[in-house]
C-alpha atoms as a PDB file:
ATOM      1  CA  MET A   1     114.858 108.505 122.696  1.00  0.00           C
ATOM      2  CA  MET A   2     115.427 104.797 122.182  1.00  0.00           C
ATOM      3  CA  VAL A   3     113.602 102.445 124.597  1.00  0.00           C
ATOM      4  CA  LYS A   4     115.256  99.096 125.193  1.00  0.00           C
ATOM      5  CA  ILE A   5     113.007  96.072 125.921  1.00  0.00           C
ATOM      6  CA  PHE A   6     114.624  93.035 127.332  1.00  0.00           C
ATOM      7  CA  ILE A   7     112.952  89.622 126.855  1.00  0.00           C
ATOM      8  CA  CYS A   8     114.256  86.653 128.773  1.00  0.00           C
ATOM      9  CA  THR A   9     114.990  83.412 127.100  1.00  0.00           C
ATOM     10  CA  GLU A  10     117.089  80.307 127.636  1.00  0.00           C
ATOM     11  CA  CYS A  11     115.331  79.678 130.903  1.00  0.00           C
ATOM     12  CA  LYS A  12     117.396  77.644 133.416  1.00  0.00           C
ATOM     13  CA  SER A  13     114.395  75.532 134.520  1.00  0.00           C
ATOM     14  CA  ASN A  14     113.043  75.021 130.899  1.00  0.00           C
ATOM     15  CA  LYS A  15     109.720  76.336 132.151  1.00  0.00           C
ATOM     16  CA  CYS A  16     109.860  79.110 129.570  1.00  0.00           C
ATOM     17  CA  GLY A  17     111.123  77.737 126.224  1.00  0.00           C
ATOM     18  CA  GLN A  18     112.929  79.698 123.544  1.00  0.00           C
ATOM     19  CA  GLU A  19     110.001  79.169 121.167  1.00  0.00           C
ATOM     20  CA  ARG A  20     107.656  81.133 123.434  1.00  0.00           C
ATOM     21  CA  ALA A  21     110.342  83.918 123.881  1.00  0.00           C
ATOM     22  CA  ILE A  22     110.501  84.216 120.023  1.00  0.00           C
ATOM     23  CA  GLU A  23     106.596  84.476 119.974  1.00  0.00           C
ATOM     24  CA  ILE A  24     106.805  87.255 122.464  1.00  0.00           C
ATOM     25  CA  TYR A  25     109.498  89.051 120.390  1.00  0.00           C
ATOM     26  CA  GLU A  26     107.535  88.817 117.233  1.00  0.00           C
ATOM     27  CA  GLU A  27     104.448  90.001 119.037  1.00  0.00           C
ATOM     28  CA  PHE A  28     106.461  93.088 120.244  1.00  0.00           C
ATOM     29  CA  ARG A  29     107.580  93.740 116.722  1.00  0.00           C
ATOM     30  CA  ASN A  30     103.980  93.899 115.686  1.00  0.00           C
ATOM     31  CA  TYR A  31     103.418  96.975 118.003  1.00  0.00           C
ATOM     32  CA  THR A  32     106.670  98.774 118.190  1.00  0.00           C
ATOM     33  CA  HIS A  33     105.546 101.269 115.578  1.00  0.00           C
ATOM     34  CA  ALA A  34     102.786 102.483 117.894  1.00  0.00           C
ATOM     35  CA  VAL A  35     105.263 103.473 120.800  1.00  0.00           C
ATOM     36  CA  GLY A  36     108.244 104.982 118.949  1.00  0.00           C
ATOM     37  CA  GLU A  37     111.793 103.721 118.723  1.00  0.00           C
ATOM     38  CA  ILE A  38     112.256 100.450 120.437  1.00  0.00           C
ATOM     39  CA  GLU A  39     115.259  98.064 120.607  1.00  0.00           C
ATOM     40  CA  LEU A  40     114.283  94.453 121.379  1.00  0.00           C
ATOM     41  CA  ILE A  41     116.955  92.508 123.139  1.00  0.00           C
ATOM     42  CA  MET A  42     116.809  88.819 123.902  1.00  0.00           C
ATOM     43  CA  THR A  43     118.644  88.114 127.215  1.00  0.00           C
ATOM     44  CA  LYS A  44     119.500  85.114 129.391  1.00  0.00           C
ATOM     45  CA  CYS A  45     117.276  84.047 132.022  1.00  0.00           C
ATOM     46  CA  GLN A  46     117.648  86.241 135.175  1.00  0.00           C
ATOM     47  CA  CYS A  47     115.661  84.136 137.551  1.00  0.00           C
ATOM     48  CA  LYS A  48     117.210  83.664 140.933  1.00  0.00           C
ATOM     49  CA  GLU A  49     114.633  81.520 142.742  1.00  0.00           C
ATOM     50  CA  GLY A  50     112.820  79.469 140.177  1.00  0.00           C
ATOM     51  CA  CYS A  51     111.148  80.435 137.005  1.00  0.00           C
ATOM     52  CA  LYS A  52     107.865  82.556 137.241  1.00  0.00           C
ATOM     53  CA  GLY A  53     107.415  82.867 133.479  1.00  0.00           C
ATOM     54  CA  HIS A  54     108.809  85.123 130.864  1.00  0.00           C
ATOM     55  CA  THR A  55     110.268  88.262 132.195  1.00  0.00           C
ATOM     56  CA  ILE A  56     110.118  91.578 130.208  1.00  0.00           C
ATOM     57  CA  GLN A  57     111.961  94.652 131.225  1.00  0.00           C
ATOM     58  CA  ILE A  58     111.029  98.094 129.959  1.00  0.00           C
ATOM     59  CA  ASP A  59     112.494 101.248 131.438  1.00  0.00           C
ATOM     60  CA  GLN A  60     113.735  99.546 134.549  1.00  0.00           C
ATOM     61  CA  GLU A  61     110.204  98.015 135.168  1.00  0.00           C
ATOM     62  CA  LEU A  62     109.971  94.237 135.341  1.00  0.00           C
ATOM     63  CA  TYR A  63     106.885  92.423 134.118  1.00  0.00           C
ATOM     64  CA  VAL A  64     106.791  88.739 135.108  1.00  0.00           C
ATOM     65  CA  GLY A  65     104.878  85.825 133.593  1.00  0.00           C
ATOM     66  CA  ILE A  66     104.180  87.497 130.374  1.00  0.00           C
ATOM     67  CA  GLU A  67     102.581  85.600 127.384  1.00  0.00           C
ATOM     68  CA  ALA A  68     102.593  86.732 123.701  1.00  0.00           C
ATOM     69  CA  ASP A  69      98.872  87.508 123.777  1.00  0.00           C
ATOM     70  CA  GLU A  70      99.475  90.020 126.556  1.00  0.00           C
ATOM     71  CA  ILE A  71     101.963  92.184 124.742  1.00  0.00           C
ATOM     72  CA  LYS A  72      99.519  94.751 123.385  1.00  0.00           C
ATOM     73  CA  GLU A  73      97.986  95.301 126.719  1.00  0.00           C
ATOM     74  CA  LEU A  74     101.406  95.406 128.334  1.00  0.00           C
ATOM     75  CA  LEU A  75     102.655  98.071 125.971  1.00  0.00           C
ATOM     76  CA  TYR A  76      99.457 100.074 126.458  1.00  0.00           C
ATOM     77  CA  LEU A  77      99.808  99.929 130.288  1.00  0.00           C
ATOM     78  CA  HIS A  78     103.494 100.764 130.357  1.00  0.00           C
ATOM     79  CA  PHE A  79     103.466 103.620 127.704  1.00  0.00           C
ATOM     80  CA  GLY A  80     100.037 104.947 128.634  1.00  0.00           C
ATOM     81  CA  GLN A  81     101.405 105.725 132.145  1.00  0.00           C
ATOM     82  CA  LYS A  82     104.224 107.739 130.703  1.00  0.00           C
ATOM     83  CA  ARG A  83     102.134 110.081 128.748  1.00  0.00           C
END
């Protein structure tokens, strides 16, 4: 089963630049082999009440304020709970 991971970019407040979103995307690509089939999708900012940092959505779960150096731990936490 393909898991879709959404990574926000194009922040309305410019708090989260596109360059950081690309870093997060690239970091996910480093670890996708470890968790199975994943489709990485860049999306427009979904923030409704001000930016709280990059938002990642995996299986309907939202993770807010994510940095590239937290991706390995995020994947471990998310997929470790599912097993």
